[in-house]
Amino acid sequence: MRYFLCLIMSLGFTSSIMGQAYPRFENNHEIKFNIGQFLATSTVEGLYEFFFTEDTSIGGTLYFNGDATDYNGNFGIGPNLRAYFGYIPRSGFFAEVFGLYYTGENDVDSTTLGARNNDYGTTAIGLGIGNKWVTRSDRFTLEIHGGMGRNINPEVFQNAFMFRGGLSIGFRF
């Protein structure tokens, strides 16, 4: 009986130690609002991020802008993949690969060219970097990021670059 009791206690003690070695992260979803982009250009940009490991996430961005001739057009949607390199899981310095489909309008005088459609839609692939800070409760985030991409279609836009950046506030759930 004594050996049986010692065996049960040692198993319980061992499992409690193993449970403390790897903390569980429960807030794997994050929604963000790019407040910096909104204040600078009145663009409304929302971002979503899902953490599938403690240092890797996948997400997406969606933005609307009232000025179709702005540098990134008036509408954009695209995915991203991030890798975090901080000491605290799911925060710190990160690098990302992103894709973005965006539409807009060329700022060309249509009176000299006759009747011409100046609307465009193009796709870009790029790289970005940034830093993310998280509160102790792992609920609220602050992020600063920037990146540059290259347009891959149509052919008239293939030599053009696009830029992204911002200061985002977020909430994890």
N, C-alpha and C. Protein backbone atom coordinates (compact mmCIF):
# COMPACT_ATOMS: atom_id res chain seq x y z
N MET A 1 0.83 -1.19 0.00
CA MET A 1 0.00 0.00 0.00
C MET A 1 0.88 1.26 0.00
N ARG A 2 1.94 1.21 0.80
CA ARG A 2 2.84 2.36 0.90
C ARG A 2 3.50 2.63 -0.46
N TYR A 3 3.96 1.57 -1.14
CA TYR A 3 4.59 1.74 -2.46
C TYR A 3 3.59 2.26 -3.49
N PHE A 4 2.37 1.78 -3.41
CA PHE A 4 1.33 2.24 -4.30
C PHE A 4 1.04 3.72 -4.11
N LEU A 5 1.00 4.18 -2.86
CA LEU A 5 0.76 5.59 -2.55
C LEU A 5 1.92 6.46 -3.04
N CYS A 6 3.14 6.00 -2.85
CA CYS A 6 4.32 6.74 -3.34
C CYS A 6 4.33 6.83 -4.86
N LEU A 7 3.93 5.75 -5.53
CA LEU A 7 3.87 5.74 -6.99
C LEU A 7 2.83 6.74 -7.50
N ILE A 8 1.69 6.78 -6.90
CA ILE A 8 0.62 7.72 -7.29
C ILE A 8 1.08 9.16 -7.07
N MET A 9 1.71 9.43 -5.93
CA MET A 9 2.18 10.79 -5.64
C MET A 9 3.28 11.22 -6.60
N SER A 10 4.20 10.32 -6.92
CA SER A 10 5.28 10.69 -7.84
C SER A 10 4.75 10.93 -9.25
N LEU A 11 3.79 10.17 -9.69
CA LEU A 11 3.18 10.40 -11.00
C LEU A 11 2.45 11.74 -11.04
N GLY A 12 1.73 12.06 -10.00
CA GLY A 12 1.04 13.35 -9.92
C GLY A 12 2.01 14.52 -9.90
N PHE A 13 3.09 14.39 -9.15
CA PHE A 13 4.11 15.44 -9.07
C PHE A 13 4.81 15.61 -10.42
N THR A 14 5.14 14.51 -11.09
CA THR A 14 5.81 14.57 -12.38
C THR A 14 4.92 15.21 -13.44
N SER A 15 3.65 14.88 -13.46
CA SER A 15 2.76 15.45 -14.47
C SER A 15 2.54 16.94 -14.22
N SER A 16 2.56 17.37 -12.95
CA SER A 16 2.40 18.80 -12.70
C SER A 16 3.63 19.58 -13.13
N ILE A 17 4.80 19.01 -13.01
CA ILE A 17 6.01 19.67 -13.48
C ILE A 17 6.01 19.77 -15.00
N MET A 18 5.62 18.71 -15.67
CA MET A 18 5.57 18.73 -17.13
C MET A 18 4.54 19.74 -17.62
N GLY A 19 3.47 19.92 -16.90
CA GLY A 19 2.44 20.88 -17.30
C GLY A 19 2.94 22.31 -17.20
N GLN A 20 3.88 22.58 -16.34
CA GLN A 20 4.40 23.93 -16.20
C GLN A 20 5.49 24.25 -17.20
N ALA A 21 6.09 23.25 -17.80
CA ALA A 21 7.19 23.49 -18.73
C ALA A 21 6.73 24.14 -20.02
N TYR A 22 5.56 23.80 -20.51
CA TYR A 22 5.05 24.33 -21.77
C TYR A 22 3.71 24.99 -21.53
N PRO A 23 3.69 26.33 -21.42
CA PRO A 23 2.42 27.01 -21.15
C PRO A 23 1.48 26.91 -22.35
N ARG A 24 0.21 26.89 -22.06
CA ARG A 24 -0.80 26.85 -23.12
C ARG A 24 -1.17 28.27 -23.50
N PHE A 25 -1.22 28.52 -24.79
CA PHE A 25 -1.64 29.82 -25.29
C PHE A 25 -3.07 29.68 -25.77
N GLU A 26 -3.96 30.43 -25.15
CA GLU A 26 -5.37 30.28 -25.46
C GLU A 26 -5.87 31.34 -26.43
N ASN A 27 -5.27 32.50 -26.49
CA ASN A 27 -5.73 33.59 -27.35
C ASN A 27 -5.01 33.51 -28.69
N ASN A 28 -5.47 32.63 -29.57
CA ASN A 28 -4.79 32.41 -30.84
C ASN A 28 -5.27 33.32 -31.96
N HIS A 29 -6.36 34.03 -31.77
CA HIS A 29 -6.90 34.92 -32.80
C HIS A 29 -6.66 36.37 -32.40
N GLU A 30 -6.33 37.18 -33.38
CA GLU A 30 -6.09 38.60 -33.11
C GLU A 30 -6.68 39.45 -34.23
N ILE A 31 -7.42 40.47 -33.87
CA ILE A 31 -7.92 41.44 -34.84
C ILE A 31 -7.26 42.77 -34.53
N LYS A 32 -6.92 43.52 -35.60
CA LYS A 32 -6.18 44.76 -35.43
C LYS A 32 -6.78 45.84 -36.32
N PHE A 33 -6.57 47.08 -35.91
CA PHE A 33 -6.95 48.25 -36.69
C PHE A 33 -5.71 49.11 -36.88
N ASN A 34 -5.42 49.46 -38.12
CA ASN A 34 -4.24 50.25 -38.44
C ASN A 34 -4.55 51.73 -38.19
N ILE A 35 -4.33 52.18 -36.98
CA ILE A 35 -4.63 53.55 -36.59
C ILE A 35 -3.67 54.55 -37.25
N GLY A 36 -2.44 54.16 -37.49
CA GLY A 36 -1.46 55.04 -38.12
C GLY A 36 -1.84 55.36 -39.56
N GLN A 37 -2.25 54.35 -40.31
CA GLN A 37 -2.67 54.56 -41.69
C GLN A 37 -3.94 55.42 -41.75
N PHE A 38 -4.84 55.21 -40.80
CA PHE A 38 -6.07 55.99 -40.76
C PHE A 38 -5.78 57.47 -40.49
N LEU A 39 -4.89 57.75 -39.55
CA LEU A 39 -4.57 59.14 -39.23
C LEU A 39 -3.79 59.82 -40.35
N ALA A 40 -2.96 59.08 -41.06
CA ALA A 40 -2.13 59.67 -42.11
C ALA A 40 -2.89 59.87 -43.42
N THR A 41 -3.71 58.90 -43.82
CA THR A 41 -4.34 58.98 -45.14
C THR A 41 -5.84 58.71 -45.14
N SER A 42 -6.48 58.59 -44.01
CA SER A 42 -7.90 58.25 -43.85
C SER A 42 -8.25 56.90 -44.45
N THR A 43 -7.29 56.00 -44.56
CA THR A 43 -7.54 54.64 -45.02
C THR A 43 -8.01 53.80 -43.84
N VAL A 44 -9.08 53.04 -44.04
CA VAL A 44 -9.58 52.15 -43.01
C VAL A 44 -9.04 50.76 -43.32
N GLU A 45 -8.16 50.27 -42.44
CA GLU A 45 -7.50 48.98 -42.65
C GLU A 45 -7.70 48.09 -41.44
N GLY A 46 -8.24 46.91 -41.68
CA GLY A 46 -8.41 45.90 -40.64
C GLY A 46 -7.53 44.71 -40.94
N LEU A 47 -6.96 44.11 -39.90
CA LEU A 47 -6.07 42.98 -40.06
C LEU A 47 -6.51 41.86 -39.13
N TYR A 48 -6.29 40.63 -39.56
CA TYR A 48 -6.59 39.44 -38.75
C TYR A 48 -5.33 38.58 -38.71
N GLU A 49 -5.09 37.95 -37.56
CA GLU A 49 -3.92 37.10 -37.41
C GLU A 49 -4.28 35.87 -36.58
N PHE A 50 -3.87 34.70 -37.06
CA PHE A 50 -4.08 33.45 -36.34
C PHE A 50 -2.73 32.81 -36.06
N PHE A 51 -2.46 32.51 -34.78
CA PHE A 51 -1.20 31.90 -34.37
C PHE A 51 -1.37 30.39 -34.35
N PHE A 52 -0.63 29.68 -35.23
CA PHE A 52 -0.71 28.23 -35.20
C PHE A 52 0.48 27.62 -34.47
N THR A 53 1.51 28.40 -34.16
CA THR A 53 2.55 28.02 -33.20
C THR A 53 2.86 29.27 -32.39
N GLU A 54 3.77 29.15 -31.42
CA GLU A 54 4.08 30.31 -30.59
C GLU A 54 4.95 31.34 -31.30
N ASP A 55 5.51 31.02 -32.46
CA ASP A 55 6.32 31.99 -33.17
C ASP A 55 5.99 32.10 -34.66
N THR A 56 4.86 31.57 -35.09
CA THR A 56 4.45 31.63 -36.48
C THR A 56 2.95 31.91 -36.57
N SER A 57 2.57 32.77 -37.50
CA SER A 57 1.16 33.09 -37.68
C SER A 57 0.85 33.30 -39.15
N ILE A 58 -0.43 33.21 -39.45
CA ILE A 58 -0.93 33.49 -40.78
C ILE A 58 -2.07 34.49 -40.60
N GLY A 59 -2.22 35.38 -41.56
CA GLY A 59 -3.25 36.39 -41.40
C GLY A 59 -3.66 37.00 -42.72
N GLY A 60 -4.41 38.07 -42.59
CA GLY A 60 -4.89 38.76 -43.78
C GLY A 60 -5.17 40.21 -43.48
N THR A 61 -5.25 41.00 -44.55
CA THR A 61 -5.52 42.41 -44.43
C THR A 61 -6.60 42.80 -45.43
N LEU A 62 -7.39 43.79 -45.06
CA LEU A 62 -8.44 44.33 -45.90
C LEU A 62 -8.50 45.82 -45.65
N TYR A 63 -8.41 46.63 -46.73
CA TYR A 63 -8.47 48.07 -46.53
C TYR A 63 -9.32 48.74 -47.59
N PHE A 64 -9.84 49.90 -47.20
CA PHE A 64 -10.64 50.76 -48.07
C PHE A 64 -10.12 52.18 -47.96
N ASN A 65 -10.07 52.87 -49.09
CA ASN A 65 -9.60 54.25 -49.11
C ASN A 65 -10.52 55.03 -50.04
N GLY A 66 -10.89 56.23 -49.66
CA GLY A 66 -11.76 57.05 -50.48
C GLY A 66 -11.08 57.65 -51.69
N ASP A 67 -9.76 57.71 -51.71
CA ASP A 67 -9.01 58.31 -52.81
C ASP A 67 -8.46 57.20 -53.71
N ALA A 68 -9.06 57.01 -54.87
CA ALA A 68 -8.65 55.93 -55.77
C ALA A 68 -7.29 56.19 -56.40
N THR A 69 -6.80 57.43 -56.37
CA THR A 69 -5.50 57.74 -56.96
C THR A 69 -4.37 57.69 -55.93
N ASP A 70 -4.66 57.25 -54.72
CA ASP A 70 -3.65 57.14 -53.68
C ASP A 70 -2.62 56.07 -54.08
N TYR A 71 -1.48 56.04 -53.39
CA TYR A 71 -0.37 55.17 -53.79
C TYR A 71 -0.70 53.68 -53.76
N ASN A 72 -1.62 53.25 -52.92
CA ASN A 72 -2.03 51.84 -52.89
C ASN A 72 -3.48 51.66 -53.30
N GLY A 73 -4.04 52.59 -54.05
CA GLY A 73 -5.39 52.44 -54.56
C GLY A 73 -6.46 52.65 -53.52
N ASN A 74 -7.69 52.22 -53.87
CA ASN A 74 -8.82 52.44 -52.98
C ASN A 74 -9.34 51.17 -52.31
N PHE A 75 -8.85 50.00 -52.70
CA PHE A 75 -9.27 48.76 -52.09
C PHE A 75 -8.11 47.76 -52.15
N GLY A 76 -7.93 46.99 -51.10
CA GLY A 76 -6.89 45.98 -51.09
C GLY A 76 -7.25 44.83 -50.18
N ILE A 77 -6.82 43.63 -50.58
CA ILE A 77 -7.05 42.43 -49.78
C ILE A 77 -5.88 41.48 -50.02
N GLY A 78 -5.43 40.81 -48.96
CA GLY A 78 -4.32 39.89 -49.15
C GLY A 78 -3.92 39.14 -47.91
N PRO A 79 -3.19 38.02 -48.07
CA PRO A 79 -2.71 37.20 -46.95
C PRO A 79 -1.29 37.57 -46.55
N ASN A 80 -0.88 37.08 -45.37
CA ASN A 80 0.52 37.21 -44.94
C ASN A 80 0.90 36.04 -44.05
N LEU A 81 2.18 35.78 -43.99
CA LEU A 81 2.76 34.74 -43.13
C LEU A 81 3.88 35.39 -42.34
N ARG A 82 3.82 35.25 -41.01
CA ARG A 82 4.80 35.91 -40.14
C ARG A 82 5.58 34.91 -39.31
N ALA A 83 6.83 35.28 -39.05
CA ALA A 83 7.68 34.53 -38.12
C ALA A 83 8.20 35.51 -37.08
N TYR A 84 8.00 35.18 -35.79
CA TYR A 84 8.41 36.04 -34.68
C TYR A 84 9.74 35.57 -34.12
N PHE A 85 10.56 36.54 -33.71
CA PHE A 85 11.89 36.25 -33.21
C PHE A 85 12.13 36.82 -31.82
N GLY A 86 11.07 37.13 -31.07
CA GLY A 86 11.21 37.72 -29.75
C GLY A 86 11.41 36.68 -28.67
N TYR A 87 11.75 37.15 -27.47
CA TYR A 87 11.93 36.26 -26.33
C TYR A 87 10.59 35.84 -25.75
N ILE A 88 9.60 36.71 -25.85
CA ILE A 88 8.26 36.39 -25.38
C ILE A 88 7.50 35.80 -26.56
N PRO A 89 6.85 34.66 -26.40
CA PRO A 89 6.14 34.05 -27.53
C PRO A 89 5.07 34.98 -28.12
N ARG A 90 4.93 34.96 -29.44
CA ARG A 90 3.93 35.70 -30.19
C ARG A 90 4.06 37.21 -30.05
N SER A 91 5.28 37.69 -29.88
CA SER A 91 5.52 39.13 -29.82
C SER A 91 6.99 39.38 -30.13
N GLY A 92 7.35 40.66 -30.19
CA GLY A 92 8.73 41.04 -30.50
C GLY A 92 8.92 41.29 -31.98
N PHE A 93 10.16 41.22 -32.42
CA PHE A 93 10.51 41.46 -33.81
C PHE A 93 9.93 40.36 -34.70
N PHE A 94 9.42 40.74 -35.88
CA PHE A 94 8.91 39.75 -36.81
C PHE A 94 9.27 40.12 -38.24
N ALA A 95 9.27 39.10 -39.08
CA ALA A 95 9.43 39.27 -40.53
C ALA A 95 8.23 38.59 -41.18
N GLU A 96 7.80 39.16 -42.29
CA GLU A 96 6.61 38.61 -42.95
C GLU A 96 6.77 38.58 -44.46
N VAL A 97 6.04 37.67 -45.07
CA VAL A 97 5.87 37.59 -46.51
C VAL A 97 4.40 37.87 -46.75
N PHE A 98 4.09 38.75 -47.69
CA PHE A 98 2.69 39.08 -47.92
C PHE A 98 2.37 39.13 -49.40
N GLY A 99 1.11 38.97 -49.68
CA GLY A 99 0.56 39.16 -51.01
C GLY A 99 -0.56 40.17 -50.90
N LEU A 100 -0.81 40.92 -51.95
CA LEU A 100 -1.85 41.93 -51.89
C LEU A 100 -2.43 42.15 -53.28
N TYR A 101 -3.74 42.04 -53.37
CA TYR A 101 -4.45 42.43 -54.58
C TYR A 101 -5.08 43.79 -54.28
N TYR A 102 -4.81 44.78 -55.11
CA TYR A 102 -5.39 46.09 -54.85
C TYR A 102 -5.84 46.75 -56.15
N THR A 103 -6.82 47.63 -56.02
CA THR A 103 -7.40 48.33 -57.16
C THR A 103 -7.28 49.83 -56.94
N GLY A 104 -7.36 50.57 -58.01
CA GLY A 104 -7.29 52.02 -57.91
C GLY A 104 -7.53 52.66 -59.25
N GLU A 105 -7.06 53.88 -59.37
CA GLU A 105 -7.24 54.65 -60.60
C GLU A 105 -5.96 55.42 -60.88
N ASN A 106 -5.52 55.37 -62.14
CA ASN A 106 -4.33 56.13 -62.52
C ASN A 106 -4.63 57.62 -62.49
N ASP A 107 -3.66 58.38 -62.11
CA ASP A 107 -3.79 59.83 -62.07
C ASP A 107 -3.31 60.41 -63.40
N VAL A 108 -4.07 60.13 -64.47
CA VAL A 108 -3.72 60.56 -65.82
C VAL A 108 -4.83 61.46 -66.33
N ASP A 109 -4.45 62.51 -67.00
CA ASP A 109 -5.44 63.43 -67.57
C ASP A 109 -6.11 62.75 -68.76
N SER A 110 -7.40 62.42 -68.63
CA SER A 110 -8.10 61.68 -69.66
C SER A 110 -8.54 62.56 -70.83
N THR A 111 -8.45 63.89 -70.69
CA THR A 111 -8.88 64.76 -71.81
C THR A 111 -7.88 64.71 -72.95
N THR A 112 -6.60 64.51 -72.67
CA THR A 112 -5.62 64.46 -73.76
C THR A 112 -5.55 63.08 -74.40
N LEU A 113 -5.98 62.06 -73.67
CA LEU A 113 -5.92 60.71 -74.21
C LEU A 113 -7.25 60.24 -74.80
N GLY A 114 -8.26 61.05 -74.74
CA GLY A 114 -9.57 60.63 -75.22
C GLY A 114 -10.28 59.84 -74.14
N ALA A 115 -11.29 59.11 -74.53
CA ALA A 115 -12.06 58.31 -73.59
C ALA A 115 -11.26 57.04 -73.25
N ARG A 116 -10.77 56.98 -72.04
CA ARG A 116 -9.94 55.85 -71.62
C ARG A 116 -10.28 55.49 -70.19
N ASN A 117 -10.31 54.20 -69.91
CA ASN A 117 -10.58 53.73 -68.56
C ASN A 117 -9.27 53.73 -67.79
N ASN A 118 -9.19 54.50 -66.71
CA ASN A 118 -7.97 54.61 -65.91
C ASN A 118 -7.98 53.70 -64.69
N ASP A 119 -9.01 52.86 -64.54
CA ASP A 119 -9.06 51.94 -63.41
C ASP A 119 -8.08 50.80 -63.60
N TYR A 120 -7.51 50.32 -62.51
CA TYR A 120 -6.59 49.18 -62.58
C TYR A 120 -6.80 48.25 -61.40
N GLY A 121 -6.33 47.05 -61.57
CA GLY A 121 -6.27 46.04 -60.52
C GLY A 121 -4.96 45.30 -60.68
N THR A 122 -4.20 45.15 -59.63
CA THR A 122 -2.90 44.50 -59.73
C THR A 122 -2.62 43.69 -58.47
N THR A 123 -1.70 42.78 -58.59
CA THR A 123 -1.30 41.91 -57.48
C THR A 123 0.17 42.15 -57.18
N ALA A 124 0.50 42.18 -55.90
CA ALA A 124 1.89 42.39 -55.47
C ALA A 124 2.29 41.33 -54.46
N ILE A 125 3.56 41.01 -54.46
CA ILE A 125 4.15 40.11 -53.46
C ILE A 125 5.30 40.86 -52.81
N GLY A 126 5.42 40.77 -51.48
CA GLY A 126 6.46 41.54 -50.83
C GLY A 126 6.92 40.98 -49.51
N LEU A 127 7.85 41.71 -48.91
CA LEU A 127 8.44 41.38 -47.61
C LEU A 127 8.24 42.55 -46.66
N GLY A 128 8.10 42.24 -45.39
CA GLY A 128 7.94 43.29 -44.40
C GLY A 128 8.59 42.90 -43.09
N ILE A 129 8.79 43.90 -42.24
CA ILE A 129 9.33 43.70 -40.89
C ILE A 129 8.53 44.56 -39.93
N GLY A 130 8.65 44.26 -38.65
CA GLY A 130 7.96 45.05 -37.66
C GLY A 130 8.27 44.57 -36.26
N ASN A 131 7.56 45.16 -35.30
CA ASN A 131 7.71 44.79 -33.90
C ASN A 131 6.34 44.85 -33.24
N LYS A 132 6.09 43.90 -32.35
CA LYS A 132 4.80 43.83 -31.66
C LYS A 132 5.04 43.76 -30.16
N TRP A 133 4.24 44.54 -29.42
CA TRP A 133 4.26 44.53 -27.97
C TRP A 133 2.90 44.04 -27.48
N VAL A 134 2.93 43.23 -26.41
CA VAL A 134 1.72 42.63 -25.88
C VAL A 134 1.62 42.95 -24.39
N THR A 135 0.41 43.19 -23.91
CA THR A 135 0.21 43.43 -22.48
C THR A 135 0.40 42.12 -21.72
N ARG A 136 0.55 42.23 -20.41
CA ARG A 136 0.76 41.04 -19.58
C ARG A 136 -0.43 40.08 -19.64
N SER A 137 -1.61 40.60 -19.84
CA SER A 137 -2.79 39.74 -19.92
C SER A 137 -2.89 39.00 -21.25
N ASP A 138 -2.01 39.30 -22.19
CA ASP A 138 -2.01 38.69 -23.52
C ASP A 138 -3.31 38.98 -24.27
N ARG A 139 -3.89 40.15 -24.04
CA ARG A 139 -5.14 40.53 -24.70
C ARG A 139 -4.97 41.68 -25.69
N PHE A 140 -4.19 42.69 -25.34
CA PHE A 140 -4.07 43.89 -26.17
C PHE A 140 -2.67 43.97 -26.76
N THR A 141 -2.59 44.45 -28.00
CA THR A 141 -1.31 44.53 -28.69
C THR A 141 -1.11 45.90 -29.33
N LEU A 142 0.14 46.23 -29.52
CA LEU A 142 0.55 47.42 -30.25
C LEU A 142 1.64 46.98 -31.22
N GLU A 143 1.49 47.37 -32.48
CA GLU A 143 2.40 46.87 -33.50
C GLU A 143 2.79 48.00 -34.45
N ILE A 144 4.04 48.01 -34.83
CA ILE A 144 4.52 48.92 -35.87
C ILE A 144 5.17 48.05 -36.95
N HIS A 145 4.81 48.31 -38.21
CA HIS A 145 5.33 47.47 -39.28
C HIS A 145 5.46 48.27 -40.58
N GLY A 146 6.29 47.74 -41.47
CA GLY A 146 6.47 48.33 -42.79
C GLY A 146 6.95 47.27 -43.76
N GLY A 147 6.66 47.49 -45.02
CA GLY A 147 7.08 46.52 -46.02
C GLY A 147 7.03 47.09 -47.41
N MET A 148 7.62 46.36 -48.33
CA MET A 148 7.66 46.78 -49.72
C MET A 148 7.41 45.56 -50.59
N GLY A 149 6.62 45.75 -51.64
CA GLY A 149 6.32 44.66 -52.55
C GLY A 149 6.48 45.08 -53.99
N ARG A 150 6.50 44.10 -54.86
CA ARG A 150 6.63 44.35 -56.29
C ARG A 150 5.40 43.80 -56.99
N ASN A 151 4.85 44.61 -57.88
CA ASN A 151 3.69 44.19 -58.65
C ASN A 151 4.08 43.09 -59.62
N ILE A 152 3.22 42.09 -59.78
CA ILE A 152 3.53 40.98 -60.67
C ILE A 152 2.62 40.93 -61.89
N ASN A 153 1.53 41.68 -61.90
CA ASN A 153 0.67 41.76 -63.08
C ASN A 153 -0.17 43.02 -62.98
N PRO A 154 -0.74 43.56 -64.01
CA PRO A 154 -0.48 43.31 -65.42
C PRO A 154 0.89 43.86 -65.83
N GLU A 155 1.23 43.66 -67.06
CA GLU A 155 2.59 43.95 -67.52
C GLU A 155 2.99 45.42 -67.36
N VAL A 156 2.06 46.34 -67.52
CA VAL A 156 2.41 47.77 -67.40
C VAL A 156 2.77 48.15 -65.97
N PHE A 157 2.37 47.33 -64.98
CA PHE A 157 2.67 47.63 -63.58
C PHE A 157 3.83 46.81 -63.03
N GLN A 158 4.44 45.93 -63.82
CA GLN A 158 5.45 45.02 -63.29
C GLN A 158 6.71 45.71 -62.81
N ASN A 159 6.99 46.89 -63.25
CA ASN A 159 8.17 47.62 -62.78
C ASN A 159 7.86 48.53 -61.60
N ALA A 160 6.63 48.52 -61.14
CA ALA A 160 6.22 49.40 -60.06
C ALA A 160 6.31 48.67 -58.71
N PHE A 161 6.59 49.43 -57.67
CA PHE A 161 6.65 48.91 -56.31
C PHE A 161 5.49 49.48 -55.51
N MET A 162 5.09 48.76 -54.48
CA MET A 162 4.07 49.25 -53.56
C MET A 162 4.62 49.17 -52.14
N PHE A 163 4.09 50.02 -51.28
CA PHE A 163 4.58 50.13 -49.91
C PHE A 163 3.43 49.92 -48.94
N ARG A 164 3.72 49.31 -47.81
CA ARG A 164 2.76 49.18 -46.73
C ARG A 164 3.42 49.60 -45.43
N GLY A 165 2.62 50.01 -44.51
CA GLY A 165 3.14 50.37 -43.21
C GLY A 165 2.03 50.79 -42.29
N GLY A 166 2.37 50.89 -41.02
CA GLY A 166 1.36 51.36 -40.10
C GLY A 166 1.69 51.14 -38.65
N LEU A 167 0.81 51.65 -37.85
CA LEU A 167 0.83 51.51 -36.40
C LEU A 167 -0.53 50.93 -36.03
N SER A 168 -0.56 49.69 -35.57
CA SER A 168 -1.82 49.00 -35.34
C SER A 168 -2.03 48.71 -33.86
N ILE A 169 -3.30 48.79 -33.46
CA ILE A 169 -3.70 48.36 -32.13
C ILE A 169 -4.58 47.13 -32.32
N GLY A 170 -4.45 46.16 -31.40
CA GLY A 170 -5.17 44.92 -31.59
C GLY A 170 -5.73 44.33 -30.31
N PHE A 171 -6.56 43.33 -30.53
CA PHE A 171 -7.21 42.60 -29.43
C PHE A 171 -7.14 41.11 -29.74
N ARG A 172 -6.70 40.32 -28.77
CA ARG A 172 -6.62 38.86 -28.93
C ARG A 172 -7.79 38.20 -28.24
N PHE A 173 -8.29 37.17 -28.87
CA PHE A 173 -9.38 36.40 -28.28
C PHE A 173 -9.22 34.92 -28.57
